Amino acid sequence: MSLFAFDEAFIAQGYRSIAGIDEAGRGCLAGPVVAACVSFRDKILIDGIKDSKELTAKQREKLFDEIISNAFVGIGIIDVALIDKINILEATRLAMKKAYENLGKEVELLLIDAVYLSDLKVSQRAIIKGDKKSASIASASIIAKVTRDRIMRQYHETYPNYGFKKHKGYATKEHLFALKKFGPCPIHRKSFSPLRELMLF
């Protein structure tokens, strides 16, 4: 079954409109967590939609523009201070909620990658590995990833010692080496391992 056919199966069940939600940056050591919500306009099919992790940066950028042109899109961004205050799971849920609220369209069903948003009064399906099954969720993963990558490239200009434009805040060897050499910067998540273990705060 194609990713678009997966979504269409819910329409066949009687839902008139659906949207997919996914996030980017949940496992990073630095930077915000970003969520996106995507609801395609009627009968739209875009070639190449799949889990953002299976695409090159160039492919994601191209698909980002196509999705924006053919769908309602909402984005939610939660910064480092709030991540450290409420924990990453709750921050992810809040980013997803904000993404839905910013969609600009009411939908009857939300397809969410492995998360349930209990405080939203809309039907939902938490779908394990949803970004590999649903076109709406995969598209949300692309929007969230491209948006977050752009933010991290901007942060690289402010904090060039850490290589954010390359690893986007993930725990690569380069990033961990920079942390040990320079210590943390203001966008590092002080509640995350290995920052706690290194006693950098």
N, C-alpha and C. Protein backbone atom coordinates (compact mmCIF):
# COMPACT_ATOMS: atom_id res chain seq x y z
N MET A 1 0.85 -1.21 0.00
CA MET A 1 0.00 0.00 0.00
C MET A 1 0.88 1.25 0.00
N SER A 2 0.61 2.21 -0.89
CA SER A 2 1.39 3.44 -0.92
C SER A 2 1.04 4.31 0.29
N LEU A 3 1.91 5.30 0.55
CA LEU A 3 1.67 6.19 1.68
C LEU A 3 0.38 6.98 1.51
N PHE A 4 0.07 7.40 0.28
CA PHE A 4 -1.17 8.14 0.05
C PHE A 4 -2.38 7.22 0.16
N ALA A 5 -2.22 5.97 -0.28
CA ALA A 5 -3.32 5.00 -0.16
C ALA A 5 -3.64 4.72 1.31
N PHE A 6 -2.62 4.70 2.15
CA PHE A 6 -2.82 4.51 3.60
C PHE A 6 -3.74 5.59 4.14
N ASP A 7 -3.48 6.84 3.77
CA ASP A 7 -4.31 7.94 4.24
C ASP A 7 -5.71 7.87 3.64
N GLU A 8 -5.79 7.53 2.37
CA GLU A 8 -7.09 7.46 1.70
C GLU A 8 -7.99 6.40 2.33
N ALA A 9 -7.40 5.39 2.92
CA ALA A 9 -8.20 4.35 3.56
C ALA A 9 -9.04 4.94 4.70
N PHE A 10 -8.52 5.97 5.37
CA PHE A 10 -9.29 6.61 6.44
C PHE A 10 -10.43 7.45 5.85
N ILE A 11 -10.18 8.07 4.71
CA ILE A 11 -11.24 8.81 4.03
C ILE A 11 -12.37 7.85 3.64
N ALA A 12 -11.98 6.66 3.19
CA ALA A 12 -12.97 5.64 2.80
C ALA A 12 -13.81 5.18 4.00
N GLN A 13 -13.26 5.34 5.20
CA GLN A 13 -13.99 4.97 6.41
C GLN A 13 -15.01 6.04 6.81
N GLY A 14 -14.97 7.19 6.14
CA GLY A 14 -15.95 8.22 6.41
C GLY A 14 -15.39 9.53 6.94
N TYR A 15 -14.09 9.59 7.22
CA TYR A 15 -13.49 10.86 7.66
C TYR A 15 -13.35 11.78 6.45
N ARG A 16 -13.89 12.97 6.55
CA ARG A 16 -13.86 13.88 5.41
C ARG A 16 -12.52 14.61 5.27
N SER A 17 -11.80 14.76 6.38
CA SER A 17 -10.51 15.46 6.32
C SER A 17 -9.58 14.90 7.39
N ILE A 18 -8.31 14.73 7.02
CA ILE A 18 -7.31 14.21 7.94
C ILE A 18 -6.06 15.07 7.89
N ALA A 19 -5.24 14.94 8.92
CA ALA A 19 -3.94 15.62 8.95
C ALA A 19 -2.93 14.70 9.62
N GLY A 20 -1.69 14.83 9.23
CA GLY A 20 -0.61 14.07 9.85
C GLY A 20 0.29 14.97 10.67
N ILE A 21 0.83 14.44 11.76
CA ILE A 21 1.72 15.20 12.64
C ILE A 21 2.98 14.40 12.90
N ASP A 22 4.12 15.07 12.86
CA ASP A 22 5.40 14.46 13.23
C ASP A 22 6.33 15.54 13.77
N GLU A 23 7.46 15.12 14.32
CA GLU A 23 8.41 16.07 14.92
C GLU A 23 9.82 15.83 14.41
N ALA A 24 10.68 16.80 14.68
CA ALA A 24 12.11 16.67 14.41
C ALA A 24 12.89 17.26 15.58
N GLY A 25 13.99 16.59 15.93
CA GLY A 25 14.87 17.13 16.97
C GLY A 25 14.62 16.62 18.37
N ARG A 26 13.78 15.62 18.51
CA ARG A 26 13.48 15.11 19.85
C ARG A 26 14.72 14.56 20.54
N GLY A 27 15.60 13.92 19.80
CA GLY A 27 16.77 13.28 20.41
C GLY A 27 18.04 14.11 20.39
N CYS A 28 17.94 15.37 20.01
CA CYS A 28 19.14 16.22 19.90
C CYS A 28 19.62 16.71 21.27
N LEU A 29 20.88 17.10 21.32
CA LEU A 29 21.44 17.68 22.54
C LEU A 29 21.29 19.19 22.58
N ALA A 30 20.90 19.78 21.45
CA ALA A 30 20.81 21.24 21.37
C ALA A 30 19.70 21.64 20.42
N GLY A 31 19.21 22.85 20.63
CA GLY A 31 18.21 23.41 19.74
C GLY A 31 16.79 23.02 20.10
N PRO A 32 15.83 23.57 19.39
CA PRO A 32 14.41 23.35 19.70
C PRO A 32 13.93 22.00 19.20
N VAL A 33 12.75 21.61 19.66
CA VAL A 33 12.02 20.51 19.03
C VAL A 33 10.95 21.16 18.16
N VAL A 34 10.82 20.66 16.94
CA VAL A 34 9.91 21.25 15.97
C VAL A 34 8.91 20.20 15.51
N ALA A 35 7.65 20.55 15.50
CA ALA A 35 6.61 19.65 14.99
C ALA A 35 5.90 20.31 13.83
N ALA A 36 5.35 19.48 12.94
CA ALA A 36 4.57 20.00 11.84
C ALA A 36 3.29 19.20 11.70
N CYS A 37 2.26 19.86 11.19
CA CYS A 37 0.97 19.23 10.92
C CYS A 37 0.63 19.53 9.46
N VAL A 38 0.30 18.48 8.71
CA VAL A 38 0.04 18.63 7.27
C VAL A 38 -1.30 18.01 6.91
N SER A 39 -2.11 18.76 6.20
CA SER A 39 -3.39 18.26 5.67
C SER A 39 -3.45 18.61 4.19
N PHE A 40 -3.39 17.60 3.34
CA PHE A 40 -3.37 17.84 1.90
C PHE A 40 -4.72 18.32 1.38
N ARG A 41 -4.65 19.15 0.35
CA ARG A 41 -5.85 19.53 -0.37
C ARG A 41 -6.36 18.32 -1.15
N ASP A 42 -7.57 18.37 -1.63
CA ASP A 42 -8.23 17.20 -2.22
C ASP A 42 -7.43 16.56 -3.35
N LYS A 43 -7.30 15.23 -3.27
CA LYS A 43 -6.77 14.41 -4.36
C LYS A 43 -5.37 14.82 -4.81
N ILE A 44 -4.55 15.25 -3.87
CA ILE A 44 -3.17 15.61 -4.19
C ILE A 44 -2.27 14.40 -4.01
N LEU A 45 -1.43 14.13 -4.99
CA LEU A 45 -0.41 13.08 -4.90
C LEU A 45 0.93 13.69 -5.28
N ILE A 46 1.91 13.54 -4.41
CA ILE A 46 3.25 14.09 -4.66
C ILE A 46 4.24 12.94 -4.72
N ASP A 47 4.96 12.85 -5.81
CA ASP A 47 5.96 11.79 -5.95
C ASP A 47 7.12 12.02 -4.99
N GLY A 48 7.60 10.92 -4.40
CA GLY A 48 8.81 10.99 -3.59
C GLY A 48 8.60 11.20 -2.11
N ILE A 49 7.33 11.34 -1.69
CA ILE A 49 7.07 11.54 -0.26
C ILE A 49 7.42 10.26 0.50
N LYS A 50 8.28 10.41 1.50
CA LYS A 50 8.58 9.31 2.41
C LYS A 50 9.21 9.88 3.67
N ASP A 51 9.51 9.02 4.62
CA ASP A 51 10.14 9.42 5.87
C ASP A 51 11.32 10.34 5.58
N SER A 52 11.37 11.48 6.24
CA SER A 52 12.42 12.47 5.97
C SER A 52 13.82 11.91 6.16
N LYS A 53 13.98 10.93 7.04
CA LYS A 53 15.31 10.36 7.29
C LYS A 53 15.81 9.55 6.09
N GLU A 54 14.93 9.19 5.18
CA GLU A 54 15.30 8.41 4.00
C GLU A 54 15.57 9.29 2.79
N LEU A 55 15.53 10.61 2.98
CA LEU A 55 15.72 11.57 1.89
C LEU A 55 17.00 12.36 2.09
N THR A 56 17.57 12.84 0.99
CA THR A 56 18.71 13.74 1.09
C THR A 56 18.21 15.14 1.44
N ALA A 57 19.13 15.99 1.88
CA ALA A 57 18.75 17.37 2.21
C ALA A 57 18.15 18.07 0.99
N LYS A 58 18.72 17.84 -0.18
CA LYS A 58 18.21 18.45 -1.41
C LYS A 58 16.81 17.96 -1.74
N GLN A 59 16.56 16.66 -1.56
CA GLN A 59 15.22 16.11 -1.80
C GLN A 59 14.21 16.69 -0.82
N ARG A 60 14.61 16.81 0.44
CA ARG A 60 13.70 17.38 1.45
C ARG A 60 13.32 18.81 1.12
N GLU A 61 14.29 19.60 0.70
CA GLU A 61 14.02 21.00 0.36
C GLU A 61 13.02 21.10 -0.80
N LYS A 62 13.21 20.26 -1.82
CA LYS A 62 12.30 20.27 -2.97
C LYS A 62 10.89 19.86 -2.55
N LEU A 63 10.79 18.79 -1.76
CA LEU A 63 9.49 18.32 -1.31
C LEU A 63 8.84 19.31 -0.35
N PHE A 64 9.64 19.98 0.45
CA PHE A 64 9.13 21.01 1.36
C PHE A 64 8.30 22.02 0.57
N ASP A 65 8.87 22.52 -0.53
CA ASP A 65 8.17 23.53 -1.34
C ASP A 65 6.90 22.96 -1.96
N GLU A 66 6.95 21.70 -2.41
CA GLU A 66 5.76 21.08 -3.01
C GLU A 66 4.66 20.88 -1.97
N ILE A 67 5.04 20.47 -0.78
CA ILE A 67 4.04 20.26 0.28
C ILE A 67 3.40 21.59 0.66
N ILE A 68 4.22 22.63 0.84
CA ILE A 68 3.70 23.94 1.20
C ILE A 68 2.70 24.43 0.15
N SER A 69 2.96 24.12 -1.12
CA SER A 69 2.10 24.58 -2.21
C SER A 69 0.79 23.79 -2.33
N ASN A 70 0.76 22.59 -1.77
CA ASN A 70 -0.37 21.69 -2.00
C ASN A 70 -1.10 21.25 -0.73
N ALA A 71 -0.78 21.86 0.40
CA ALA A 71 -1.38 21.41 1.65
C ALA A 71 -1.51 22.57 2.64
N PHE A 72 -2.40 22.38 3.59
CA PHE A 72 -2.40 23.25 4.77
C PHE A 72 -1.28 22.77 5.67
N VAL A 73 -0.50 23.69 6.22
CA VAL A 73 0.66 23.32 7.03
C VAL A 73 0.69 24.17 8.30
N GLY A 74 0.86 23.51 9.44
CA GLY A 74 1.05 24.20 10.70
C GLY A 74 2.36 23.76 11.33
N ILE A 75 3.05 24.67 11.99
CA ILE A 75 4.34 24.36 12.61
C ILE A 75 4.31 24.80 14.08
N GLY A 76 4.89 23.97 14.95
CA GLY A 76 5.03 24.29 16.37
C GLY A 76 6.48 24.15 16.79
N ILE A 77 7.00 25.14 17.49
CA ILE A 77 8.41 25.14 17.90
C ILE A 77 8.50 25.39 19.40
N ILE A 78 9.21 24.50 20.10
CA ILE A 78 9.42 24.66 21.54
C ILE A 78 10.92 24.82 21.79
N ASP A 79 11.27 25.88 22.48
CA ASP A 79 12.69 26.19 22.64
C ASP A 79 13.33 25.41 23.80
N VAL A 80 14.64 25.57 23.90
CA VAL A 80 15.44 24.79 24.86
C VAL A 80 15.02 25.03 26.30
N ALA A 81 14.73 26.29 26.64
CA ALA A 81 14.37 26.60 28.03
C ALA A 81 13.14 25.81 28.47
N LEU A 82 12.15 25.74 27.60
CA LEU A 82 10.93 25.00 27.97
C LEU A 82 11.15 23.50 27.93
N ILE A 83 11.98 23.02 27.01
CA ILE A 83 12.33 21.59 26.99
C ILE A 83 12.94 21.18 28.33
N ASP A 84 13.88 21.97 28.82
CA ASP A 84 14.52 21.65 30.10
C ASP A 84 13.57 21.79 31.27
N LYS A 85 12.57 22.63 31.13
CA LYS A 85 11.63 22.85 32.23
C LYS A 85 10.60 21.73 32.33
N ILE A 86 10.07 21.27 31.19
CA ILE A 86 8.93 20.34 31.24
C ILE A 86 9.26 18.94 30.75
N ASN A 87 10.45 18.69 30.25
CA ASN A 87 11.00 17.45 29.70
C ASN A 87 10.66 17.32 28.21
N ILE A 88 11.43 16.52 27.51
CA ILE A 88 11.34 16.48 26.05
C ILE A 88 10.03 15.84 25.56
N LEU A 89 9.50 14.86 26.28
CA LEU A 89 8.25 14.25 25.83
C LEU A 89 7.11 15.25 25.87
N GLU A 90 7.01 15.98 26.99
CA GLU A 90 5.94 16.97 27.10
C GLU A 90 6.17 18.12 26.12
N ALA A 91 7.43 18.49 25.90
CA ALA A 91 7.74 19.54 24.93
C ALA A 91 7.36 19.10 23.52
N THR A 92 7.59 17.83 23.20
CA THR A 92 7.21 17.28 21.89
C THR A 92 5.70 17.34 21.71
N ARG A 93 4.97 16.92 22.74
CA ARG A 93 3.50 16.97 22.67
C ARG A 93 3.01 18.41 22.50
N LEU A 94 3.64 19.34 23.21
CA LEU A 94 3.23 20.73 23.10
C LEU A 94 3.52 21.28 21.71
N ALA A 95 4.67 20.92 21.15
CA ALA A 95 5.00 21.35 19.79
C ALA A 95 3.98 20.80 18.79
N MET A 96 3.59 19.54 18.98
CA MET A 96 2.59 18.92 18.10
C MET A 96 1.23 19.61 18.23
N LYS A 97 0.86 19.93 19.46
CA LYS A 97 -0.41 20.64 19.68
C LYS A 97 -0.39 22.00 19.00
N LYS A 98 0.72 22.72 19.14
CA LYS A 98 0.84 24.03 18.51
C LYS A 98 0.80 23.91 16.99
N ALA A 99 1.43 22.86 16.46
CA ALA A 99 1.42 22.65 15.01
C ALA A 99 -0.02 22.48 14.52
N TYR A 100 -0.80 21.68 15.24
CA TYR A 100 -2.20 21.49 14.87
C TYR A 100 -2.98 22.80 14.97
N GLU A 101 -2.75 23.53 16.04
CA GLU A 101 -3.47 24.80 16.23
C GLU A 101 -3.10 25.82 15.16
N ASN A 102 -1.91 25.70 14.59
CA ASN A 102 -1.45 26.63 13.55
C ASN A 102 -1.79 26.15 12.14
N LEU A 103 -2.51 25.03 12.03
CA LEU A 103 -2.83 24.47 10.72
C LEU A 103 -3.75 25.39 9.91
N GLY A 104 -4.65 26.08 10.60
CA GLY A 104 -5.57 26.97 9.90
C GLY A 104 -6.73 26.23 9.25
N LYS A 105 -6.97 25.02 9.70
CA LYS A 105 -8.05 24.21 9.14
C LYS A 105 -8.48 23.19 10.18
N GLU A 106 -9.77 22.98 10.32
CA GLU A 106 -10.26 21.93 11.20
C GLU A 106 -10.27 20.60 10.45
N VAL A 107 -9.86 19.54 11.12
CA VAL A 107 -9.88 18.21 10.51
C VAL A 107 -10.63 17.25 11.42
N GLU A 108 -11.05 16.12 10.86
CA GLU A 108 -11.81 15.15 11.64
C GLU A 108 -10.94 14.06 12.23
N LEU A 109 -9.71 13.91 11.72
CA LEU A 109 -8.84 12.85 12.21
C LEU A 109 -7.38 13.29 12.12
N LEU A 110 -6.65 13.07 13.22
CA LEU A 110 -5.21 13.31 13.24
C LEU A 110 -4.47 11.97 13.23
N LEU A 111 -3.53 11.83 12.32
CA LEU A 111 -2.63 10.69 12.30
C LEU A 111 -1.30 11.18 12.86
N ILE A 112 -0.87 10.59 13.98
CA ILE A 112 0.31 11.10 14.68
C ILE A 112 1.35 9.99 14.82
N ASP A 113 2.59 10.35 14.60
CA ASP A 113 3.66 9.36 14.69
C ASP A 113 3.91 8.98 16.15
N ALA A 114 3.30 7.88 16.58
CA ALA A 114 3.58 7.22 17.86
C ALA A 114 3.22 8.02 19.10
N VAL A 115 2.47 9.09 18.97
CA VAL A 115 2.11 9.93 20.12
C VAL A 115 0.61 10.18 20.10
N TYR A 116 0.00 10.26 21.30
CA TYR A 116 -1.40 10.63 21.43
C TYR A 116 -1.48 11.95 22.20
N LEU A 117 -2.29 12.87 21.71
CA LEU A 117 -2.41 14.19 22.33
C LEU A 117 -3.74 14.25 23.07
N SER A 118 -3.70 13.95 24.34
CA SER A 118 -4.93 13.76 25.12
C SER A 118 -5.72 15.05 25.30
N ASP A 119 -5.08 16.22 25.18
CA ASP A 119 -5.80 17.46 25.43
C ASP A 119 -6.41 18.08 24.17
N LEU A 120 -6.33 17.37 23.05
CA LEU A 120 -7.00 17.84 21.83
C LEU A 120 -8.31 17.09 21.63
N LYS A 121 -9.37 17.83 21.40
CA LYS A 121 -10.68 17.22 21.22
C LYS A 121 -10.91 16.93 19.74
N VAL A 122 -10.12 16.02 19.20
CA VAL A 122 -10.26 15.59 17.82
C VAL A 122 -9.85 14.12 17.76
N SER A 123 -10.51 13.35 16.90
CA SER A 123 -10.16 11.93 16.79
C SER A 123 -8.71 11.78 16.35
N GLN A 124 -8.03 10.78 16.93
CA GLN A 124 -6.61 10.59 16.65
C GLN A 124 -6.27 9.11 16.50
N ARG A 125 -5.20 8.86 15.78
CA ARG A 125 -4.58 7.55 15.71
C ARG A 125 -3.09 7.74 15.94
N ALA A 126 -2.57 7.11 16.98
CA ALA A 126 -1.12 7.10 17.20
C ALA A 126 -0.56 5.92 16.43
N ILE A 127 0.22 6.19 15.41
CA ILE A 127 0.68 5.15 14.49
C ILE A 127 2.18 4.92 14.65
N ILE A 128 2.55 3.71 15.06
CA ILE A 128 3.96 3.38 15.22
C ILE A 128 4.63 3.40 13.85
N LYS A 129 5.78 4.07 13.78
CA LYS A 129 6.51 4.25 12.51
C LYS A 129 5.60 4.85 11.45
N GLY A 130 4.78 5.80 11.89
CA GLY A 130 3.82 6.42 10.99
C GLY A 130 4.45 7.15 9.82
N ASP A 131 5.69 7.65 10.01
CA ASP A 131 6.35 8.36 8.91
C ASP A 131 6.75 7.43 7.77
N LYS A 132 6.67 6.12 8.00
CA LYS A 132 6.94 5.14 6.94
C LYS A 132 5.66 4.58 6.33
N LYS A 133 4.51 5.01 6.87
CA LYS A 133 3.23 4.45 6.43
C LYS A 133 2.30 5.49 5.82
N SER A 134 2.25 6.67 6.42
CA SER A 134 1.28 7.69 6.05
C SER A 134 1.92 8.85 5.29
N ALA A 135 1.30 9.24 4.18
CA ALA A 135 1.81 10.38 3.41
C ALA A 135 1.73 11.67 4.22
N SER A 136 0.65 11.83 4.99
CA SER A 136 0.50 13.04 5.79
C SER A 136 1.55 13.13 6.88
N ILE A 137 1.82 12.01 7.56
CA ILE A 137 2.84 12.00 8.62
C ILE A 137 4.22 12.18 8.02
N ALA A 138 4.51 11.47 6.91
CA ALA A 138 5.81 11.61 6.26
C ALA A 138 6.03 13.05 5.81
N SER A 139 4.99 13.68 5.29
CA SER A 139 5.10 15.08 4.87
C SER A 139 5.35 15.99 6.06
N ALA A 140 4.69 15.71 7.17
CA ALA A 140 4.93 16.48 8.39
C ALA A 140 6.37 16.31 8.85
N SER A 141 6.91 15.10 8.70
CA SER A 141 8.31 14.87 9.10
C SER A 141 9.25 15.68 8.23
N ILE A 142 8.94 15.83 6.94
CA ILE A 142 9.77 16.63 6.04
C ILE A 142 9.70 18.11 6.41
N ILE A 143 8.50 18.61 6.65
CA ILE A 143 8.34 20.02 7.02
C ILE A 143 9.07 20.32 8.32
N ALA A 144 8.90 19.44 9.31
CA ALA A 144 9.55 19.65 10.61
C ALA A 144 11.07 19.60 10.48
N LYS A 145 11.57 18.63 9.73
CA LYS A 145 13.02 18.47 9.57
C LYS A 145 13.65 19.66 8.85
N VAL A 146 13.06 20.07 7.74
CA VAL A 146 13.62 21.21 7.00
C VAL A 146 13.57 22.48 7.83
N THR A 147 12.44 22.70 8.51
CA THR A 147 12.31 23.89 9.36
C THR A 147 13.38 23.90 10.45
N ARG A 148 13.55 22.76 11.11
CA ARG A 148 14.54 22.70 12.19
C ARG A 148 15.97 22.83 11.66
N ASP A 149 16.26 22.20 10.54
CA ASP A 149 17.61 22.30 9.96
C ASP A 149 17.94 23.76 9.64
N ARG A 150 16.98 24.50 9.15
CA ARG A 150 17.21 25.91 8.85
C ARG A 150 17.50 26.69 10.12
N ILE A 151 16.77 26.39 11.19
CA ILE A 151 17.01 27.05 12.48
C ILE A 151 18.42 26.75 12.97
N MET A 152 18.83 25.47 12.86
CA MET A 152 20.15 25.09 13.36
C MET A 152 21.27 25.69 12.52
N ARG A 153 21.05 25.89 11.24
CA ARG A 153 22.06 26.57 10.42
C ARG A 153 22.20 28.03 10.85
N GLN A 154 21.09 28.64 11.24
CA GLN A 154 21.16 30.01 11.75
C GLN A 154 21.91 30.06 13.08
N TYR A 155 21.66 29.07 13.94
CA TYR A 155 22.38 29.02 15.21
C TYR A 155 23.88 28.82 15.00
N HIS A 156 24.24 28.13 13.92
CA HIS A 156 25.66 27.92 13.64
C HIS A 156 26.38 29.26 13.45
N GLU A 157 25.69 30.25 12.89
CA GLU A 157 26.30 31.56 12.70
C GLU A 157 26.61 32.23 14.04
N THR A 158 25.78 31.96 15.03
CA THR A 158 25.97 32.55 16.36
C THR A 158 26.96 31.75 17.19
N TYR A 159 26.91 30.41 17.05
CA TYR A 159 27.76 29.52 17.84
C TYR A 159 28.55 28.59 16.90
N PRO A 160 29.53 29.13 16.17
CA PRO A 160 30.21 28.35 15.12
C PRO A 160 31.11 27.23 15.63
N ASN A 161 31.46 27.24 16.92
CA ASN A 161 32.40 26.24 17.44
C ASN A 161 31.85 24.82 17.47
N TYR A 162 30.54 24.67 17.37
CA TYR A 162 29.93 23.36 17.62
C TYR A 162 29.57 22.56 16.37
N GLY A 163 29.60 23.19 15.21
CA GLY A 163 29.29 22.47 13.98
C GLY A 163 27.82 22.21 13.77
N PHE A 164 26.96 23.09 14.29
CA PHE A 164 25.52 22.85 14.19
C PHE A 164 25.02 22.72 12.75
N LYS A 165 25.66 23.43 11.81
CA LYS A 165 25.17 23.36 10.42
C LYS A 165 25.38 21.97 9.83
N LYS A 166 26.28 21.19 10.43
CA LYS A 166 26.55 19.85 9.93
C LYS A 166 25.69 18.79 10.64
N HIS A 167 25.73 18.75 11.97
CA HIS A 167 25.04 17.68 12.71
C HIS A 167 23.70 18.09 13.28
N LYS A 168 23.37 19.38 13.22
CA LYS A 168 22.06 19.91 13.64
C LYS A 168 21.75 19.67 15.12
N GLY A 169 22.78 19.44 15.92
CA GLY A 169 22.56 19.28 17.36
C GLY A 169 22.54 17.86 17.85
N TYR A 170 22.65 16.88 16.95
CA TYR A 170 22.67 15.48 17.37
C TYR A 170 24.03 15.13 18.00
N ALA A 171 24.06 14.02 18.72
CA ALA A 171 25.24 13.65 19.52
C ALA A 171 26.29 12.94 18.67
N THR A 172 26.83 13.63 17.68
CA THR A 172 27.91 13.07 16.88
C THR A 172 29.23 13.19 17.64
N LYS A 173 30.25 12.48 17.17
CA LYS A 173 31.58 12.59 17.79
C LYS A 173 32.09 14.02 17.74
N GLU A 174 31.86 14.67 16.61
CA GLU A 174 32.29 16.07 16.46
C GLU A 174 31.61 16.97 17.50
N HIS A 175 30.32 16.75 17.69
CA HIS A 175 29.57 17.58 18.64
C HIS A 175 30.04 17.32 20.08
N LEU A 176 30.20 16.06 20.43
CA LEU A 176 30.65 15.73 21.79
C LEU A 176 32.05 16.26 22.07
N PHE A 177 32.92 16.21 21.07
CA PHE A 177 34.27 16.75 21.22
C PHE A 177 34.22 18.26 21.46
N ALA A 178 33.36 18.96 20.70
CA ALA A 178 33.22 20.41 20.87
C ALA A 178 32.66 20.75 22.25
N LEU A 179 31.74 19.94 22.73
CA LEU A 179 31.19 20.16 24.07
C LEU A 179 32.27 20.07 25.14
N LYS A 180 33.12 19.05 25.01
CA LYS A 180 34.19 18.87 25.99
C LYS A 180 35.22 20.00 25.90
N LYS A 181 35.44 20.49 24.69
CA LYS A 181 36.46 21.52 24.48
C LYS A 181 35.96 22.91 24.88
N PHE A 182 34.73 23.23 24.50
CA PHE A 182 34.23 24.59 24.69
C PHE A 182 33.18 24.72 25.78
N GLY A 183 32.67 23.58 26.27
CA GLY A 183 31.55 23.65 27.19
C GLY A 183 30.26 23.94 26.44
N PRO A 184 29.14 23.98 27.14
CA PRO A 184 27.85 24.19 26.47
C PRO A 184 27.63 25.64 26.08
N CYS A 185 26.76 25.84 25.11
CA CYS A 185 26.32 27.19 24.75
C CYS A 185 24.85 27.32 25.15
N PRO A 186 24.26 28.50 25.01
CA PRO A 186 22.89 28.71 25.50
C PRO A 186 21.82 27.83 24.87
N ILE A 187 22.06 27.22 23.72
CA ILE A 187 21.01 26.39 23.12
C ILE A 187 21.18 24.90 23.44
N HIS A 188 22.15 24.55 24.28
CA HIS A 188 22.27 23.15 24.69
C HIS A 188 21.22 22.81 25.76
N ARG A 189 20.74 21.57 25.71
CA ARG A 189 19.71 21.10 26.64
C ARG A 189 20.37 20.56 27.90
N LYS A 190 20.36 21.35 28.95
CA LYS A 190 21.09 20.98 30.15
C LYS A 190 20.49 19.78 30.88
N SER A 191 19.25 19.43 30.55
CA SER A 191 18.61 18.27 31.20
C SER A 191 18.97 16.96 30.51
N PHE A 192 19.69 17.03 29.39
CA PHE A 192 19.98 15.85 28.60
C PHE A 192 21.31 15.21 28.98
N SER A 193 21.35 13.88 28.89
CA SER A 193 22.61 13.16 28.89
C SER A 193 23.23 13.39 27.50
N PRO A 194 24.57 13.57 27.38
CA PRO A 194 25.59 13.43 28.42
C PRO A 194 25.94 14.73 29.14
N LEU A 195 25.17 15.79 28.93
CA LEU A 195 25.49 17.05 29.58
C LEU A 195 25.46 16.94 31.10
N ARG A 196 24.47 16.21 31.62
CA ARG A 196 24.41 16.02 33.08
C ARG A 196 25.62 15.25 33.57
N GLU A 197 25.95 14.16 32.86
CA GLU A 197 27.06 13.29 33.30
C GLU A 197 28.41 14.02 33.25
N LEU A 198 28.55 14.91 32.28
CA LEU A 198 29.80 15.66 32.16
C LEU A 198 29.88 16.80 33.19
N MET A 199 28.73 17.02 33.88
CA MET A 199 28.65 18.05 34.92
C MET A 199 29.07 19.42 34.36
N LEU A 200 28.52 19.70 33.19
CA LEU A 200 28.86 20.96 32.54
C LEU A 200 28.01 22.11 33.07
N PHE A 201 26.96 21.76 33.82
CA PHE A 201 26.11 22.82 34.36
C PHE A 201 26.21 22.82 35.89
